[in-house]
Amino acid sequence: MTELRIVVIGGGFGGLASAARLAKLGHQVTLLERSTSLGGALQPISADGFTWDAGPTTTLLPAVIRDLFRKTGRPLERELELEPLDLVREHRFEDRTVLRLPSGSRAAQIAAFDQLGDGAGDLGASWSAYVDAHSETWEVLRRGYLEQPWDPALSPRELTDLLGSREMLHKRLRRDFKDERLRLVASHPFVIDGHDLRNVPAWMGVTSYLEQTFGAWTVPGGLSAIGAALADRLATRGVTVELGTTALDIVLRDGRAVGVCTANGDLDADAVVCAIDPRRLPALAGSVHRTMPAIPPVVAHVGLDGDLPDLPHEVVLHGDPMLVVRTGGTAPEGGAAWTIIGRGRLAEDVLRALARHKVDVRTHVVTRIDRSPRDLVDAWGGSPLGVLWQGRATVRDRLGPTTPVPGVYAAGAHATPGSGLPFVGLSAALVAQEIGPA
């Protein structure tokens, strides 16, 4: 192949990863970002000496991030520290029982669930059987869907059967678990992202397998460091970055992409990578009219001081609304930076709702930043949670890594079966694989 002029639309993790990979493959890459900084949901938020991750605070599948850095330049270990967590998260249930879900250990998870059972059933064995059943699911997805571009016409039978299954997650969980608490633990990653379990394919339960097998990981100081390191990587690879530049549409000629239209004029391109919600681009919007974005939750970033409860990095308080407390921000000495997330029927202030769970920090607030779902969508130009699950057809209705428009590729949260850095990072690798080296 010859060197291509490639325009990547979107400076979130998907766009950064795509641009870095394509530049390393020898292409001339320009990245467009509508805001004045790179990173998308990986950007930090700061106020009065406190700093919070705007989006995720942990990640699964660290190999995805390591592979990205290794394939685009210096290895990850020379840029930043990715460290494992002992817990995936702590779950607190309405009956006042607590599960501290271990990270990356089958035996430890079995022991934790057995302790939760308190003699009322073999919960560890039930959980283990559920997770173990997804081992084969992961291998089928990894080989035929996540690590190589999926062609439905050439898909192996086992993958076709899996993706075409009519079984939804809520039925699978009710069948496998008599104890509601196990259902809540298994369904949490989807409920917090705003999905209805009746519309989530049962095979997405593979997330529990990933948590147990590969564990949860973070970066000291916040995952925003990954976005900053990738921004530096683009400079090293010679990527042209145009901030404050909104892509209005893809320029087509004879049905093929030949550029990108912006408010500042058109940019010529041999290929275009859409790493934003494709609904924002008229040339692609018609191809995704059956899909909807998963709407972000209510978020409150609070800077605290004083004598505070000793919480792990993430605590889930089950109920309606569901509340999630993340404690991993950075703060001045004697302080703490927490993020509280609310999902469900939140009819009162999120800190008041938190106080009802006996975690009352209202008198310790030094500073506070609130973000509604609309605020988050406006800030990021779309939802970093990707496509809302609406049944098994969602797999075919979303785009990525290719699209119906020749010369246009899709990466990012809207081009994956799930949110989070692993799925998004894999989508960027698929785009680079489709386009190939110069």
Protein backbone atom coordinates (compact mmCIF):
# COMPACT_ATOMS: atom_id res chain seq x y z
CA MET A 1 0.00 0.00 0.00
CA THR A 2 0.94 3.66 -0.31
CA GLU A 3 0.83 6.32 2.36
CA LEU A 4 -2.73 7.50 2.93
CA ARG A 5 -4.02 10.84 4.13
CA ILE A 6 -6.24 9.85 7.05
CA VAL A 7 -8.49 12.13 9.07
CA VAL A 8 -9.52 10.86 12.50
CA ILE A 9 -12.62 12.54 13.94
CA GLY A 10 -12.63 12.66 17.74
CA GLY A 11 -9.91 13.06 20.35
CA GLY A 12 -11.20 10.60 22.95
CA PHE A 13 -9.43 7.32 23.70
CA GLY A 14 -10.71 5.70 20.50
CA GLY A 15 -9.51 8.55 18.31
CA LEU A 16 -6.16 8.85 20.08
CA ALA A 17 -5.52 5.11 19.81
CA SER A 18 -6.54 5.01 16.14
CA ALA A 19 -4.39 8.01 15.21
CA ALA A 20 -1.33 6.64 17.02
CA ARG A 21 -1.62 3.21 15.42
CA LEU A 22 -2.21 4.56 11.91
CA ALA A 23 0.67 7.03 12.14
CA LYS A 24 2.99 4.25 13.27
CA LEU A 25 1.88 2.27 10.22
CA GLY A 26 3.27 5.07 8.05
CA HIS A 27 0.18 7.10 7.17
CA GLN A 28 -0.24 10.87 7.23
CA VAL A 29 -2.75 11.41 10.04
CA THR A 30 -4.74 14.46 11.09
CA LEU A 31 -6.92 14.32 14.20
CA LEU A 32 -9.86 16.69 14.68
CA GLU A 33 -11.24 17.44 18.15
CA ARG A 34 -14.14 19.80 18.80
CA SER A 35 -12.99 20.79 22.29
CA THR A 36 -9.79 22.59 23.25
CA SER A 37 -8.10 19.52 24.76
CA LEU A 38 -7.62 15.84 24.02
CA GLY A 39 -8.78 12.86 26.02
CA GLY A 40 -12.57 12.93 25.95
CA ALA A 41 -13.85 11.07 29.00
CA LEU A 42 -10.23 10.50 30.04
CA GLN A 43 -9.74 14.18 30.76
CA PRO A 44 -9.25 15.19 34.40
CA ILE A 45 -11.45 17.70 36.19
CA SER A 46 -9.83 20.04 38.70
CA ALA A 47 -11.03 22.63 41.21
CA ASP A 48 -9.54 24.17 44.36
CA GLY A 49 -6.62 21.75 44.42
CA PHE A 50 -8.77 18.63 43.92
CA THR A 51 -8.64 16.49 40.76
CA TRP A 52 -11.02 13.77 39.58
CA ASP A 53 -11.19 11.46 36.57
CA ALA A 54 -14.05 12.71 34.42
CA GLY A 55 -14.90 9.20 33.25
CA PRO A 56 -13.61 5.73 34.15
CA THR A 57 -11.26 5.22 37.09
CA THR A 58 -10.35 1.57 36.42
CA THR A 59 -9.92 -0.68 33.42
CA LEU A 60 -9.96 -4.36 32.58
CA LEU A 61 -7.69 -6.23 30.14
CA PRO A 62 -4.46 -4.29 30.68
CA ALA A 63 -2.95 -6.13 27.72
CA VAL A 64 -5.02 -3.93 25.39
CA ILE A 65 -3.35 -0.77 26.67
CA ARG A 66 0.09 -2.38 26.78
CA ASP A 67 -0.30 -3.54 23.17
CA LEU A 68 -1.33 -0.03 22.08
CA PHE A 69 1.78 1.57 23.56
CA ARG A 70 4.09 -1.19 22.36
CA LYS A 71 2.75 -1.04 18.79
CA THR A 72 3.06 2.76 18.59
CA GLY A 73 6.40 3.45 20.29
CA ARG A 74 7.84 3.08 23.77
CA PRO A 75 6.24 0.41 25.99
CA LEU A 76 3.68 1.42 28.60
CA GLU A 77 6.01 0.76 31.53
CA ARG A 78 8.31 3.56 30.35
CA GLU A 79 5.43 6.04 30.28
CA LEU A 80 3.30 5.35 33.33
CA GLU A 81 2.47 2.78 35.99
CA LEU A 82 -0.52 0.51 35.54
CA GLU A 83 -1.19 -1.28 38.82
CA PRO A 84 -3.62 -4.05 39.80
CA LEU A 85 -6.36 -3.53 42.38
CA ASP A 86 -7.19 -6.03 45.12
CA LEU A 87 -10.92 -5.42 44.65
CA VAL A 88 -13.04 -4.94 41.57
CA ARG A 89 -15.48 -3.06 43.81
CA GLU A 90 -17.43 -3.34 47.05
CA HIS A 91 -21.16 -4.08 46.86
CA ARG A 92 -23.50 -2.99 49.65
CA PHE A 93 -27.00 -4.45 49.47
CA GLU A 94 -30.29 -3.21 50.87
CA ASP A 95 -30.33 -5.99 53.49
CA ARG A 96 -27.08 -4.48 54.89
CA THR A 97 -24.90 -7.37 53.73
CA VAL A 98 -21.63 -6.49 52.00
CA LEU A 99 -19.59 -8.20 49.29
CA ARG A 100 -16.02 -7.14 48.64
CA LEU A 101 -15.49 -8.58 45.16
CA PRO A 102 -11.84 -9.65 44.73
CA SER A 103 -10.03 -8.82 41.52
CA GLY A 104 -8.32 -11.38 39.31
CA SER A 105 -8.79 -14.46 41.49
CA ARG A 106 -11.30 -17.29 41.08
CA ALA A 107 -10.57 -18.77 44.52
CA ALA A 108 -10.86 -15.41 46.27
CA GLN A 109 -14.18 -14.66 44.58
CA ILE A 110 -15.59 -18.04 45.58
CA ALA A 111 -14.54 -17.42 49.19
CA ALA A 112 -16.09 -13.93 49.16
CA PHE A 113 -19.45 -15.21 47.92
CA ASP A 114 -19.43 -18.11 50.38
CA GLN A 115 -18.91 -15.61 53.18
CA LEU A 116 -21.81 -13.55 51.83
CA GLY A 117 -23.99 -16.64 51.95
CA ASP A 118 -23.50 -17.08 55.70
CA GLY A 119 -24.52 -20.73 55.40
CA ALA A 120 -27.67 -19.99 53.38
CA GLY A 121 -26.65 -21.77 50.20
CA ASP A 122 -23.48 -22.44 48.24
CA LEU A 123 -23.16 -19.00 46.69
CA GLY A 124 -19.49 -19.42 45.80
CA ALA A 125 -20.19 -22.49 43.69
CA SER A 126 -23.11 -20.75 41.94
CA TRP A 127 -20.99 -17.73 41.12
CA SER A 128 -18.08 -19.86 39.96
CA ALA A 129 -20.28 -21.92 37.64
CA TYR A 130 -21.69 -18.73 36.08
CA VAL A 131 -18.26 -17.20 35.49
CA ASP A 132 -16.65 -20.43 34.29
CA ALA A 133 -19.39 -20.83 31.68
CA HIS A 134 -18.18 -17.63 30.01
CA SER A 135 -14.64 -18.90 29.47
CA GLU A 136 -15.54 -20.41 26.09
CA THR A 137 -17.67 -17.38 25.28
CA TRP A 138 -14.63 -15.16 25.73
CA GLU A 139 -12.48 -17.28 23.45
CA VAL A 140 -15.11 -17.26 20.70
CA LEU A 141 -15.56 -13.48 20.95
CA ARG A 142 -11.86 -12.77 21.19
CA ARG A 143 -10.85 -14.85 18.19
CA GLY A 144 -13.67 -13.99 15.80
CA TYR A 145 -15.09 -10.66 16.88
CA LEU A 146 -12.80 -8.54 19.05
CA GLU A 147 -9.34 -9.23 17.63
CA GLN A 148 -10.19 -9.45 13.96
CA PRO A 149 -12.77 -7.62 11.82
CA TRP A 150 -16.11 -9.41 11.87
CA ASP A 151 -17.63 -10.42 8.53
CA PRO A 152 -21.09 -11.96 9.13
CA ALA A 153 -20.86 -13.80 5.81
CA LEU A 154 -17.60 -15.50 6.82
CA SER A 155 -18.24 -15.82 10.55
CA PRO A 156 -17.63 -19.29 12.06
CA ARG A 157 -20.77 -21.12 13.14
CA GLU A 158 -19.97 -20.88 16.84
CA LEU A 159 -19.68 -17.08 16.63
CA THR A 160 -22.80 -16.72 14.49
CA ASP A 161 -24.78 -18.78 16.99
CA LEU A 162 -23.44 -16.76 19.92
CA LEU A 163 -24.16 -13.33 18.45
CA GLY A 164 -27.53 -14.45 17.16
CA SER A 165 -28.69 -15.96 20.45
CA ARG A 166 -32.09 -14.75 21.66
CA GLU A 167 -31.21 -15.26 25.33
CA MET A 168 -31.03 -11.98 27.20
CA LEU A 169 -29.05 -11.34 30.35
CA HIS A 170 -31.99 -10.92 32.74
CA LYS A 171 -33.27 -14.42 31.91
CA ARG A 172 -29.81 -15.93 32.21
CA LEU A 173 -29.27 -14.37 35.63
CA ARG A 174 -32.68 -15.48 36.92
CA ARG A 175 -31.97 -18.99 35.71
CA ASP A 176 -28.49 -19.20 37.21
CA PHE A 177 -28.97 -17.37 40.52
CA LYS A 178 -31.65 -17.82 43.16
CA ASP A 179 -30.04 -15.16 45.34
CA GLU A 180 -30.86 -11.67 44.11
CA ARG A 181 -27.54 -10.31 45.35
CA LEU A 182 -25.63 -12.42 42.84
CA ARG A 183 -27.85 -11.09 40.08
CA LEU A 184 -27.11 -7.55 41.22
CA VAL A 185 -23.36 -8.13 41.17
CA ALA A 186 -23.40 -9.71 37.70
CA SER A 187 -25.68 -7.05 36.21
CA HIS A 188 -24.03 -3.99 37.78
CA PRO A 189 -21.72 -3.04 34.84
CA PHE A 190 -24.74 -2.81 32.55
CA VAL A 191 -27.19 -1.18 34.93
CA ILE A 192 -24.75 1.60 35.82
CA ASP A 193 -24.27 2.26 32.08
CA GLY A 194 -28.03 2.68 31.65
CA HIS A 195 -28.94 -0.57 29.91
CA ASP A 196 -32.15 -2.54 30.40
CA LEU A 197 -31.14 -6.13 31.20
CA ARG A 198 -34.04 -7.38 29.09
CA ASN A 199 -32.20 -6.01 26.05
CA VAL A 200 -28.61 -7.02 26.89
CA PRO A 201 -27.47 -10.30 25.27
CA ALA A 202 -26.61 -12.99 27.79
CA TRP A 203 -23.14 -13.40 26.29
CA MET A 204 -22.22 -9.94 27.58
CA GLY A 205 -22.02 -11.61 30.98
CA VAL A 206 -18.46 -12.32 29.84
CA THR A 207 -17.61 -9.10 31.69
CA SER A 208 -17.72 -11.05 34.96
CA TYR A 209 -15.23 -13.51 33.50
CA LEU A 210 -12.87 -10.67 32.54
CA GLU A 211 -13.06 -9.16 36.03
CA GLN A 212 -12.23 -12.48 37.64
CA THR A 213 -9.58 -13.63 35.19
CA PHE A 214 -7.68 -10.44 34.36
CA GLY A 215 -8.64 -8.21 37.28
CA ALA A 216 -9.22 -4.47 37.59
CA TRP A 217 -6.36 -2.02 37.08
CA THR A 218 -5.74 1.67 37.57
CA VAL A 219 -3.07 4.33 37.25
CA PRO A 220 -1.90 6.17 40.38
CA GLY A 221 -3.32 9.66 40.18
CA GLY A 222 -6.03 8.69 37.71
CA LEU A 223 -6.60 7.17 34.26
CA SER A 224 -6.34 10.65 32.75
CA ALA A 225 -2.60 9.94 32.64
CA ILE A 226 -3.27 7.48 29.81
CA GLY A 227 -4.91 10.19 27.73
CA ALA A 228 -2.01 12.57 28.40
CA ALA A 229 0.54 9.93 27.44
CA LEU A 230 -1.31 9.19 24.20
CA ALA A 231 -1.46 12.89 23.36
CA ASP A 232 2.33 12.98 23.71
CA ARG A 233 2.56 9.85 21.57
CA LEU A 234 0.70 11.62 18.74
CA ALA A 235 3.29 14.38 18.77
CA THR A 236 6.07 11.80 18.64
CA ARG A 237 4.42 10.06 15.69
CA GLY A 238 3.92 13.34 13.77
CA VAL A 239 0.12 13.43 13.93
CA THR A 240 -1.40 16.81 13.12
CA VAL A 241 -3.88 17.73 15.85
CA GLU A 242 -6.49 20.40 15.24
CA LEU A 243 -8.27 21.37 18.45
CA GLY A 244 -11.45 23.42 18.55
CA THR A 245 -12.38 21.97 15.16
CA THR A 246 -15.80 20.40 14.72
CA ALA A 247 -16.31 17.89 11.93
CA LEU A 248 -19.61 18.77 10.25
CA ASP A 249 -19.77 15.88 7.81
CA ILE A 250 -17.80 13.54 5.61
CA VAL A 251 -17.20 14.77 2.06
CA LEU A 252 -18.25 12.16 -0.48
CA ARG A 253 -17.50 11.80 -4.17
CA ASP A 254 -19.20 9.05 -6.14
CA GLY A 255 -20.27 7.57 -2.80
CA ARG A 256 -16.73 7.37 -1.39
CA ALA A 257 -15.13 9.45 1.34
CA VAL A 258 -12.68 12.03 0.02
CA GLY A 259 -12.49 14.42 2.94
CA VAL A 260 -14.05 15.96 6.03
CA CYS A 261 -16.08 19.16 6.12
CA THR A 262 -15.36 21.53 9.01
CA ALA A 263 -16.35 25.09 9.85
CA ASN A 264 -12.84 26.10 8.78
CA GLY A 265 -13.09 24.42 5.39
CA ASP A 266 -12.69 20.94 3.93
CA LEU A 267 -9.80 18.58 4.63
CA ASP A 268 -8.87 16.13 1.90
CA ALA A 269 -8.57 12.50 2.95
CA ASP A 270 -8.07 9.08 1.46
CA ALA A 271 -9.72 7.54 4.51
CA VAL A 272 -11.74 8.81 7.47
CA VAL A 273 -12.00 7.30 10.95
CA CYS A 274 -15.15 8.21 12.88
CA ALA A 275 -14.30 8.02 16.59
CA ILE A 276 -17.40 9.97 17.70
CA ASP A 277 -21.11 9.23 17.75
CA PRO A 278 -21.84 8.67 14.04
CA ARG A 279 -25.22 10.39 14.45
CA ARG A 280 -23.31 13.67 14.38
CA LEU A 281 -22.22 13.07 10.79
CA PRO A 282 -25.06 13.16 8.21
CA ALA A 283 -23.16 10.80 5.89
CA LEU A 284 -23.32 8.08 8.58
CA ALA A 285 -26.45 8.99 10.51
CA GLY A 286 -28.75 7.07 8.17
CA SER A 287 -26.75 3.90 8.78
CA VAL A 288 -27.32 3.98 12.54
CA HIS A 289 -30.89 5.24 12.75
CA ARG A 290 -31.96 2.05 14.57
CA THR A 291 -29.53 2.63 17.42
CA MET A 292 -29.61 4.92 20.44
CA PRO A 293 -26.83 6.15 22.70
CA ALA A 294 -26.54 4.91 26.27
CA ILE A 295 -27.20 8.00 28.40
CA PRO A 296 -24.64 8.92 31.10
CA PRO A 297 -25.68 8.98 34.78
CA VAL A 298 -25.81 11.90 37.21
CA VAL A 299 -22.31 12.71 38.48
CA ALA A 300 -21.08 14.79 41.40
CA HIS A 301 -17.36 15.40 41.98
CA VAL A 302 -16.78 16.50 45.57
CA GLY A 303 -13.69 17.71 47.38
CA LEU A 304 -13.84 16.75 51.05
CA ASP A 305 -11.92 17.31 54.25
CA GLY A 306 -12.12 16.11 57.83
CA ASP A 307 -12.77 12.68 59.28
CA LEU A 308 -14.25 10.61 56.44
CA PRO A 309 -15.44 7.01 56.12
CA ASP A 310 -12.69 4.62 55.02
CA LEU A 311 -13.95 3.33 51.67
CA PRO A 312 -12.23 1.29 48.95
CA HIS A 313 -11.73 2.77 45.49
CA GLU A 314 -15.31 1.93 44.42
CA VAL A 315 -18.43 1.17 46.42
CA VAL A 316 -21.81 0.26 44.90
CA LEU A 317 -24.87 1.05 47.02
CA HIS A 318 -27.68 -1.03 45.58
CA GLY A 319 -31.25 0.21 45.46
CA ASP A 320 -33.24 2.63 43.38
CA PRO A 321 -31.46 4.87 42.83
CA MET A 322 -28.21 2.98 42.61
CA LEU A 323 -25.28 5.03 43.90
CA VAL A 324 -21.60 4.48 43.19
CA VAL A 325 -18.82 6.15 45.19
CA ARG A 326 -15.35 6.35 43.68
CA THR A 327 -12.61 7.59 45.97
CA GLY A 328 -9.55 7.60 43.72
CA GLY A 329 -9.14 11.31 43.01
CA THR A 330 -6.25 13.44 44.24
CA ALA A 331 -6.60 16.07 46.95
CA PRO A 332 -4.60 18.48 49.10
CA GLU A 333 -3.15 17.07 52.31
CA GLY A 334 -5.91 16.11 54.71
CA GLY A 335 -8.54 16.01 51.98
CA ALA A 336 -10.15 13.50 49.65
CA ALA A 337 -11.60 13.66 46.14
CA TRP A 338 -14.69 11.51 45.64
CA THR A 339 -16.98 11.02 42.68
CA ILE A 340 -20.60 10.02 43.35
CA ILE A 341 -22.64 8.56 40.51
CA GLY A 342 -26.42 8.22 40.56
CA ARG A 343 -28.49 5.97 38.33
CA GLY A 344 -32.26 5.42 38.61
CA ARG A 345 -35.02 7.35 40.34
CA LEU A 346 -32.92 10.12 41.84
CA ALA A 347 -35.49 12.54 43.24
CA GLU A 348 -33.16 14.34 45.66
CA ASP A 349 -29.63 15.67 45.89
CA VAL A 350 -27.11 12.89 45.35
CA LEU A 351 -25.32 13.60 48.65
CA ARG A 352 -28.61 13.45 50.54
CA ALA A 353 -29.34 10.12 48.86
CA LEU A 354 -25.86 8.96 49.87
CA ALA A 355 -26.54 9.97 53.48
CA ARG A 356 -29.53 7.62 53.54
CA HIS A 357 -26.99 4.82 53.11
CA LYS A 358 -25.19 5.99 56.26
CA VAL A 359 -22.40 7.66 54.26
CA ASP A 360 -22.97 11.30 55.12
CA VAL A 361 -20.25 13.68 53.96
CA ARG A 362 -22.37 16.79 53.47
CA THR A 363 -20.63 18.75 56.21
CA HIS A 364 -17.19 17.87 54.80
CA VAL A 365 -17.66 19.38 51.32
CA VAL A 366 -14.99 21.91 50.37
CA THR A 367 -15.81 22.12 46.69
CA ARG A 368 -18.28 20.46 44.37
CA ILE A 369 -18.87 20.05 40.63
CA ASP A 370 -22.20 18.60 39.45
CA ARG A 371 -22.77 17.17 35.98
CA SER A 372 -26.16 16.13 34.63
CA PRO A 373 -26.44 13.60 31.78
CA ARG A 374 -27.02 16.51 29.39
CA ASP A 375 -23.96 18.33 30.74
CA LEU A 376 -21.81 15.28 30.09
CA VAL A 377 -23.12 14.70 26.58
CA ASP A 378 -22.61 18.39 25.73
CA ALA A 379 -19.08 18.37 27.16
CA TRP A 380 -18.01 15.25 25.29
CA GLY A 381 -20.08 15.71 22.15
CA GLY A 382 -21.84 12.41 22.77
CA SER A 383 -22.02 9.56 25.22
CA PRO A 384 -18.79 7.71 26.12
CA LEU A 385 -21.02 4.75 27.06
CA GLY A 386 -21.62 3.99 23.40
CA VAL A 387 -24.66 2.28 21.93
CA LEU A 388 -27.65 1.31 24.06
CA TRP A 389 -28.35 -2.40 23.96
CA GLN A 390 -31.72 -3.01 22.26
CA GLY A 391 -31.52 -6.74 21.79
CA ARG A 392 -29.37 -9.02 19.67
CA ALA A 393 -29.83 -6.88 16.52
CA THR A 394 -27.72 -4.13 18.10
CA VAL A 395 -24.59 -6.04 17.06
CA ARG A 396 -25.47 -5.56 13.40
CA ASP A 397 -27.02 -2.11 13.74
CA ARG A 398 -23.92 -0.37 15.07
CA LEU A 399 -20.89 0.42 12.92
CA GLY A 400 -17.29 -0.69 13.13
CA PRO A 401 -14.61 -1.27 12.18
CA THR A 402 -15.93 -0.71 8.64
CA THR A 403 -19.03 1.25 7.62
CA PRO A 404 -21.38 1.22 4.62
CA VAL A 405 -19.51 4.23 3.24
CA PRO A 406 -16.33 3.23 1.38
CA GLY A 407 -13.26 4.80 2.90
CA VAL A 408 -14.92 5.41 6.28
CA TYR A 409 -14.07 3.39 9.39
CA ALA A 410 -15.45 3.50 12.93
CA ALA A 411 -13.70 3.24 16.29
CA GLY A 412 -14.56 4.25 19.84
CA ALA A 413 -17.40 3.50 22.22
CA HIS A 414 -20.05 3.55 19.47
CA ALA A 415 -18.14 0.91 17.50
CA THR A 416 -17.88 -1.66 20.29
CA PRO A 417 -20.19 -4.07 22.15
CA GLY A 418 -19.41 -2.38 25.47
CA SER A 419 -18.02 0.74 27.07
CA GLY A 420 -14.60 1.06 28.68
CA LEU A 421 -10.99 1.24 27.56
CA PRO A 422 -10.57 -2.44 26.60
CA PHE A 423 -13.40 -2.54 24.06
CA VAL A 424 -12.53 0.91 22.70
CA GLY A 425 -8.85 0.04 22.45
CA LEU A 426 -9.66 -3.15 20.57
CA SER A 427 -11.86 -1.18 18.14
CA ALA A 428 -8.91 1.07 17.27
CA ALA A 429 -6.73 -1.97 16.65
CA LEU A 430 -9.38 -3.35 14.27
CA VAL A 431 -9.45 -0.10 12.29
CA ALA A 432 -5.66 -0.14 11.96
CA GLN A 433 -5.85 -3.78 10.83
CA GLU A 434 -8.49 -2.94 8.19
CA ILE A 435 -6.55 0.01 6.77
CA GLY A 436 -3.17 -1.70 6.97
CA PRO A 437 0.38 -0.34 6.66
CA ALA A 438 1.50 2.24 4.13
